[in-house]
Amino acid sequence: MAVHAAPPVTEFPNAECLNELMIVGPITVRSACSHHFCPIMGRLWIGLMPNEHSNLIGLSKYSRLAEWVMSRPQIQEKRSPRWPTC
């Protein structure tokens, strides 16, 4: 299976000193389980909280990166976040 290179991402300085929560989504993702060969389908949201020292990327790049990560077969449990119980 061919492994595709990551999409190009250009960073730029946080000139406006953004410090508010930004959410990108929903992003529809599709993949296949590399163990069971079953489809993995879902939606995800990406949240980021920049500060005055953060470099930023365009919001559309987050969906391209998510699609790139999910474009090859993988084990579903490794792509699902595990939240600690508090």
Protein backbone atom coordinates (compact mmCIF):
# COMPACT_ATOMS: atom_id res chain seq x y z
CA MET A 1 0.00 0.00 0.00
CA ALA A 2 1.34 3.41 -0.94
CA VAL A 3 1.87 5.86 1.89
CA HIS A 4 0.98 9.39 0.87
CA ALA A 5 2.96 12.35 2.16
CA ALA A 6 1.31 14.70 4.63
CA PRO A 7 -0.49 17.64 3.06
CA PRO A 8 1.57 20.83 2.99
CA VAL A 9 1.02 23.01 6.04
CA THR A 10 2.28 26.56 6.35
CA GLU A 11 2.57 28.11 9.78
CA PHE A 12 2.24 31.80 10.36
CA PRO A 13 2.74 33.92 13.50
CA ASN A 14 -0.20 34.78 15.70
CA ALA A 15 -0.01 38.48 14.79
CA GLU A 16 -3.49 39.20 16.20
CA CYS A 17 -2.60 37.50 19.54
CA LEU A 18 -5.61 35.19 19.25
CA ASN A 19 -6.36 33.46 22.54
CA GLU A 20 -9.90 32.11 22.11
CA LEU A 21 -11.07 28.56 21.58
CA MET A 22 -11.39 27.68 17.91
CA ILE A 23 -13.34 24.60 16.83
CA VAL A 24 -13.19 22.98 13.41
CA GLY A 25 -15.86 20.45 12.51
CA PRO A 26 -17.68 18.34 12.06
CA ILE A 27 -15.19 16.60 9.82
CA THR A 28 -16.46 13.37 8.26
CA VAL A 29 -13.77 10.68 8.28
CA ARG A 30 -13.71 7.25 6.69
CA SER A 31 -11.18 4.49 7.03
CA ALA A 32 -10.98 0.73 7.47
CA CYS A 33 -9.97 -1.38 10.44
CA SER A 34 -6.68 -3.06 9.58
CA HIS A 35 -7.52 -5.98 11.89
CA HIS A 36 -11.15 -6.74 10.95
CA PHE A 37 -11.32 -5.05 7.52
CA CYS A 38 -14.53 -3.32 8.62
CA PRO A 39 -15.32 0.27 7.71
CA ILE A 40 -14.68 3.03 10.23
CA MET A 41 -16.90 6.04 9.74
CA GLY A 42 -17.43 8.99 11.99
CA ARG A 43 -17.34 12.68 12.58
CA LEU A 44 -14.77 14.56 14.58
CA TRP A 45 -14.24 18.05 15.88
CA ILE A 46 -10.86 19.61 16.52
CA GLY A 47 -10.50 22.27 19.19
CA LEU A 48 -7.46 24.44 19.66
CA MET A 49 -6.59 27.18 22.09
CA PRO A 50 -3.79 29.39 20.76
CA ASN A 51 -1.86 31.88 22.82
CA GLU A 52 0.23 34.89 21.84
CA HIS A 53 3.28 32.64 21.34
CA SER A 54 1.49 30.07 19.13
CA ASN A 55 2.08 29.72 15.44
CA LEU A 56 -1.15 29.11 13.53
CA ILE A 57 -2.20 27.17 10.46
CA GLY A 58 -5.30 27.72 8.34
CA LEU A 59 -8.44 26.12 9.75
CA SER A 60 -9.00 24.12 6.54
CA LYS A 61 -5.67 22.39 7.11
CA TYR A 62 -7.03 20.59 10.19
CA SER A 63 -9.63 18.76 8.12
CA ARG A 64 -7.02 17.90 5.48
CA LEU A 65 -4.72 16.51 8.17
CA ALA A 66 -7.57 14.46 9.70
CA GLU A 67 -8.47 13.06 6.29
CA TRP A 68 -4.81 12.25 5.63
CA VAL A 69 -4.44 10.39 8.95
CA MET A 70 -7.65 8.42 8.35
CA SER A 71 -6.90 7.67 4.68
CA ARG A 72 -5.14 4.39 5.40
CA PRO A 73 -6.30 1.30 7.31
CA GLN A 74 -5.76 1.39 11.05
CA ILE A 75 -6.95 -0.02 14.33
CA GLN A 76 -10.03 1.94 15.38
CA GLU A 77 -9.20 2.00 19.08
CA LYS A 78 -5.87 3.70 18.40
CA ARG A 79 -7.59 6.58 16.58
CA SER A 80 -10.28 7.10 19.20
CA PRO A 81 -9.28 9.41 22.00
CA ARG A 82 -9.19 7.96 25.50
CA TRP A 83 -10.40 10.50 28.00
CA PRO A 84 -9.35 10.05 31.64
CA THR A 85 -12.17 9.73 34.10
CA CYS A 86 -12.14 12.55 36.59
